[in-house]
Amino acid sequence: MAVIVTIVNAGTGYTIGEVLTLTGGGNNCTVEVTGTIPGPDAVSAIALLTDGTGYADGTYATSPGVGGGDCTIAYSGGAAGGTANFFQFM
């Protein structure tokens, strides 16, 4: 099964290209910010970079990239290695 990541809370202060790590699990699941909403610079789209290990299905905080904060990501699925999923927040 492929890992699926979706935005739960978009946070503020992010820039496109930031890499965020989901806290918990093995602290090794990463996503890249691929879109933001102007003004609050909230995350509007992400791309999965690495599936990570040790994560259960659930919602995880992210370690800040360069300057953002409060973005949370829902994680589901198993380690599928090499799967790059892209999801937008609407």
N, C-alpha and C. Protein backbone atom coordinates (compact mmCIF):
# COMPACT_ATOMS: atom_id res chain seq x y z
N MET A 1 0.85 -1.18 0.00
CA MET A 1 0.00 0.00 0.00
C MET A 1 0.89 1.24 0.00
N ALA A 2 0.50 2.22 -0.75
CA ALA A 2 1.26 3.47 -0.84
C ALA A 2 0.97 4.37 0.36
N VAL A 3 1.96 5.10 0.76
CA VAL A 3 1.78 6.10 1.81
C VAL A 3 1.03 7.28 1.21
N ILE A 4 0.04 7.77 1.95
CA ILE A 4 -0.72 8.94 1.53
C ILE A 4 -0.58 9.99 2.62
N VAL A 5 -0.24 11.20 2.23
CA VAL A 5 -0.14 12.32 3.16
C VAL A 5 -1.09 13.42 2.70
N THR A 6 -1.81 14.00 3.66
CA THR A 6 -2.72 15.09 3.36
C THR A 6 -2.59 16.18 4.42
N ILE A 7 -2.87 17.39 4.04
CA ILE A 7 -2.76 18.53 4.94
C ILE A 7 -3.99 18.57 5.85
N VAL A 8 -3.75 18.65 7.16
CA VAL A 8 -4.84 18.78 8.13
C VAL A 8 -4.95 20.23 8.56
N ASN A 9 -3.84 20.82 8.97
CA ASN A 9 -3.78 22.23 9.35
C ASN A 9 -2.67 22.86 8.53
N ALA A 10 -2.99 23.90 7.77
CA ALA A 10 -2.05 24.49 6.82
C ALA A 10 -0.96 25.34 7.47
N GLY A 11 -1.16 25.75 8.72
CA GLY A 11 -0.14 26.56 9.39
C GLY A 11 0.06 27.91 8.72
N THR A 12 1.13 28.60 9.09
CA THR A 12 1.46 29.90 8.51
C THR A 12 2.97 30.05 8.40
N GLY A 13 3.40 30.93 7.50
CA GLY A 13 4.81 31.29 7.41
C GLY A 13 5.68 30.34 6.59
N TYR A 14 5.09 29.57 5.70
CA TYR A 14 5.85 28.60 4.90
C TYR A 14 6.22 29.17 3.52
N THR A 15 7.25 28.60 2.92
CA THR A 15 7.64 28.96 1.57
C THR A 15 7.72 27.70 0.71
N ILE A 16 7.45 27.86 -0.56
CA ILE A 16 7.55 26.73 -1.49
C ILE A 16 8.99 26.22 -1.49
N GLY A 17 9.12 24.91 -1.45
CA GLY A 17 10.43 24.27 -1.44
C GLY A 17 10.90 23.84 -0.06
N GLU A 18 10.23 24.31 1.00
CA GLU A 18 10.62 23.86 2.34
C GLU A 18 10.37 22.37 2.49
N VAL A 19 11.26 21.69 3.18
CA VAL A 19 11.10 20.27 3.47
C VAL A 19 10.73 20.14 4.95
N LEU A 20 9.61 19.45 5.20
CA LEU A 20 9.11 19.26 6.55
C LEU A 20 9.21 17.79 6.93
N THR A 21 9.52 17.53 8.19
CA THR A 21 9.60 16.16 8.70
C THR A 21 8.44 15.93 9.64
N LEU A 22 7.72 14.81 9.45
CA LEU A 22 6.65 14.47 10.36
C LEU A 22 7.26 13.97 11.66
N THR A 23 6.89 14.60 12.77
CA THR A 23 7.42 14.19 14.07
C THR A 23 6.71 12.91 14.51
N GLY A 24 7.41 12.06 15.21
CA GLY A 24 6.86 10.78 15.61
C GLY A 24 7.39 9.70 14.68
N GLY A 25 6.87 8.50 14.81
CA GLY A 25 7.37 7.40 14.00
C GLY A 25 8.89 7.35 14.11
N GLY A 26 9.56 7.20 12.98
CA GLY A 26 11.02 7.20 12.97
C GLY A 26 11.61 8.58 12.70
N ASN A 27 10.75 9.61 12.75
CA ASN A 27 11.18 10.98 12.43
C ASN A 27 11.90 11.04 11.09
N ASN A 28 11.41 10.27 10.10
CA ASN A 28 12.08 10.23 8.81
C ASN A 28 11.13 10.27 7.61
N CYS A 29 9.88 10.63 7.84
CA CYS A 29 8.95 10.86 6.73
C CYS A 29 9.03 12.35 6.40
N THR A 30 9.31 12.66 5.14
CA THR A 30 9.46 14.06 4.74
C THR A 30 8.52 14.41 3.60
N VAL A 31 8.05 15.65 3.62
CA VAL A 31 7.23 16.21 2.55
C VAL A 31 7.82 17.55 2.14
N GLU A 32 7.60 17.91 0.90
CA GLU A 32 8.04 19.21 0.40
C GLU A 32 6.82 20.10 0.20
N VAL A 33 6.92 21.35 0.63
CA VAL A 33 5.86 22.32 0.39
C VAL A 33 5.92 22.71 -1.08
N THR A 34 4.84 22.43 -1.83
CA THR A 34 4.82 22.73 -3.26
C THR A 34 3.85 23.85 -3.61
N GLY A 35 3.09 24.32 -2.63
CA GLY A 35 2.17 25.43 -2.85
C GLY A 35 1.84 26.11 -1.54
N THR A 36 1.63 27.43 -1.60
CA THR A 36 1.24 28.19 -0.41
C THR A 36 0.13 29.17 -0.78
N ILE A 37 -0.62 29.59 0.22
CA ILE A 37 -1.65 30.61 0.06
C ILE A 37 -1.01 31.94 0.41
N PRO A 38 -1.02 32.92 -0.52
CA PRO A 38 -0.40 34.22 -0.24
C PRO A 38 -1.04 34.88 0.98
N GLY A 39 -0.27 35.69 1.65
CA GLY A 39 -0.74 36.37 2.85
C GLY A 39 -0.26 35.64 4.08
N PRO A 40 -1.02 34.60 4.48
CA PRO A 40 -0.55 33.87 5.66
C PRO A 40 0.56 32.88 5.31
N ASP A 41 0.83 32.68 4.01
CA ASP A 41 1.82 31.69 3.57
C ASP A 41 1.52 30.32 4.17
N ALA A 42 0.24 29.96 4.13
CA ALA A 42 -0.21 28.66 4.61
C ALA A 42 0.06 27.61 3.54
N VAL A 43 0.34 26.39 3.97
CA VAL A 43 0.62 25.30 3.04
C VAL A 43 -0.67 24.92 2.30
N SER A 44 -0.61 24.93 0.96
CA SER A 44 -1.77 24.54 0.16
C SER A 44 -1.53 23.26 -0.63
N ALA A 45 -0.27 22.85 -0.78
CA ALA A 45 0.04 21.62 -1.49
C ALA A 45 1.36 21.06 -0.99
N ILE A 46 1.44 19.73 -0.97
CA ILE A 46 2.66 19.05 -0.53
C ILE A 46 2.96 17.89 -1.47
N ALA A 47 4.21 17.47 -1.49
CA ALA A 47 4.62 16.27 -2.21
C ALA A 47 5.40 15.39 -1.24
N LEU A 48 5.08 14.11 -1.23
CA LEU A 48 5.78 13.16 -0.37
C LEU A 48 7.17 12.90 -0.93
N LEU A 49 8.18 13.10 -0.09
CA LEU A 49 9.56 12.83 -0.51
C LEU A 49 10.02 11.45 -0.05
N THR A 50 9.83 11.16 1.24
CA THR A 50 10.20 9.84 1.78
C THR A 50 9.06 9.31 2.64
N ASP A 51 8.78 8.00 2.50
CA ASP A 51 7.69 7.36 3.24
C ASP A 51 7.92 7.34 4.74
N GLY A 52 9.16 7.18 5.14
CA GLY A 52 9.49 7.05 6.55
C GLY A 52 9.18 5.67 7.09
N THR A 53 9.53 5.44 8.34
CA THR A 53 9.31 4.16 9.01
C THR A 53 8.74 4.40 10.39
N GLY A 54 8.03 3.43 10.92
CA GLY A 54 7.53 3.49 12.29
C GLY A 54 6.31 4.36 12.49
N TYR A 55 5.66 4.78 11.41
CA TYR A 55 4.47 5.64 11.54
C TYR A 55 3.20 4.80 11.52
N ALA A 56 2.29 5.09 12.43
CA ALA A 56 0.95 4.52 12.40
C ALA A 56 0.06 5.53 11.69
N ASP A 57 -1.06 5.08 11.17
CA ASP A 57 -2.00 6.02 10.55
C ASP A 57 -2.41 7.04 11.61
N GLY A 58 -2.38 8.31 11.24
CA GLY A 58 -2.76 9.37 12.17
C GLY A 58 -2.30 10.71 11.70
N THR A 59 -2.46 11.70 12.56
CA THR A 59 -2.08 13.08 12.27
C THR A 59 -0.82 13.43 13.04
N TYR A 60 0.14 14.03 12.35
CA TYR A 60 1.44 14.34 12.94
C TYR A 60 1.78 15.81 12.76
N ALA A 61 2.40 16.37 13.79
CA ALA A 61 2.97 17.70 13.67
C ALA A 61 4.18 17.60 12.76
N THR A 62 4.62 18.73 12.24
CA THR A 62 5.83 18.74 11.42
C THR A 62 6.89 19.58 12.10
N SER A 63 8.13 19.19 11.90
CA SER A 63 9.21 20.04 12.39
C SER A 63 9.31 21.18 11.39
N PRO A 64 9.47 22.38 11.90
CA PRO A 64 9.49 23.53 10.99
C PRO A 64 10.61 23.42 9.96
N GLY A 65 10.32 23.89 8.79
CA GLY A 65 11.35 24.02 7.76
C GLY A 65 12.14 25.27 8.06
N VAL A 66 12.11 26.22 7.18
CA VAL A 66 12.87 27.45 7.34
C VAL A 66 12.19 28.39 8.33
N GLY A 67 10.90 28.61 8.19
CA GLY A 67 10.27 29.59 9.06
C GLY A 67 8.82 29.34 9.38
N GLY A 68 8.25 28.24 8.90
CA GLY A 68 6.84 27.99 9.11
C GLY A 68 6.55 27.40 10.47
N GLY A 69 5.25 27.31 10.77
CA GLY A 69 4.85 26.70 12.02
C GLY A 69 3.41 26.23 11.99
N ASP A 70 3.11 25.25 12.82
CA ASP A 70 1.76 24.75 13.07
C ASP A 70 1.15 23.91 11.96
N CYS A 71 1.90 23.50 10.96
CA CYS A 71 1.36 22.63 9.92
C CYS A 71 1.28 21.20 10.44
N THR A 72 0.11 20.57 10.28
CA THR A 72 -0.03 19.17 10.64
C THR A 72 -0.43 18.37 9.40
N ILE A 73 0.04 17.13 9.35
CA ILE A 73 -0.15 16.27 8.19
C ILE A 73 -0.75 14.93 8.64
N ALA A 74 -1.76 14.46 7.90
CA ALA A 74 -2.31 13.13 8.14
C ALA A 74 -1.51 12.13 7.32
N TYR A 75 -1.16 11.01 7.94
CA TYR A 75 -0.35 9.96 7.33
C TYR A 75 -1.16 8.67 7.32
N SER A 76 -1.21 8.00 6.18
CA SER A 76 -1.86 6.69 6.14
C SER A 76 -1.16 5.81 5.12
N GLY A 77 -1.23 4.52 5.33
CA GLY A 77 -0.63 3.56 4.42
C GLY A 77 0.61 2.95 5.01
N GLY A 78 1.27 2.12 4.21
CA GLY A 78 2.48 1.45 4.67
C GLY A 78 3.67 1.86 3.84
N ALA A 79 4.83 1.35 4.20
CA ALA A 79 6.05 1.67 3.47
C ALA A 79 5.97 1.09 2.07
N ALA A 80 5.93 1.97 1.08
CA ALA A 80 5.82 1.52 -0.31
C ALA A 80 7.04 1.91 -1.11
N GLY A 81 8.00 2.57 -0.49
CA GLY A 81 9.25 2.94 -1.14
C GLY A 81 9.15 3.47 -2.55
N GLY A 82 9.59 4.68 -2.74
CA GLY A 82 9.65 5.25 -4.07
C GLY A 82 8.35 5.83 -4.58
N THR A 83 7.29 5.80 -3.79
CA THR A 83 6.03 6.36 -4.22
C THR A 83 6.00 7.84 -3.90
N ALA A 84 5.76 8.66 -4.90
CA ALA A 84 5.67 10.10 -4.69
C ALA A 84 4.24 10.53 -4.95
N ASN A 85 3.49 10.82 -3.88
CA ASN A 85 2.11 11.26 -4.00
C ASN A 85 2.04 12.76 -3.83
N PHE A 86 1.13 13.38 -4.56
CA PHE A 86 0.98 14.84 -4.53
C PHE A 86 -0.47 15.15 -4.17
N PHE A 87 -0.67 15.98 -3.16
CA PHE A 87 -2.01 16.32 -2.73
C PHE A 87 -2.13 17.81 -2.49
N GLN A 88 -3.29 18.36 -2.88
CA GLN A 88 -3.56 19.76 -2.64
C GLN A 88 -4.58 19.90 -1.53
N PHE A 89 -4.49 21.01 -0.83
CA PHE A 89 -5.42 21.34 0.26
C PHE A 89 -6.44 22.29 -0.32
N MET A 90 -7.69 21.97 -0.20
CA MET A 90 -8.74 22.83 -0.76
C MET A 90 -9.59 23.39 0.34
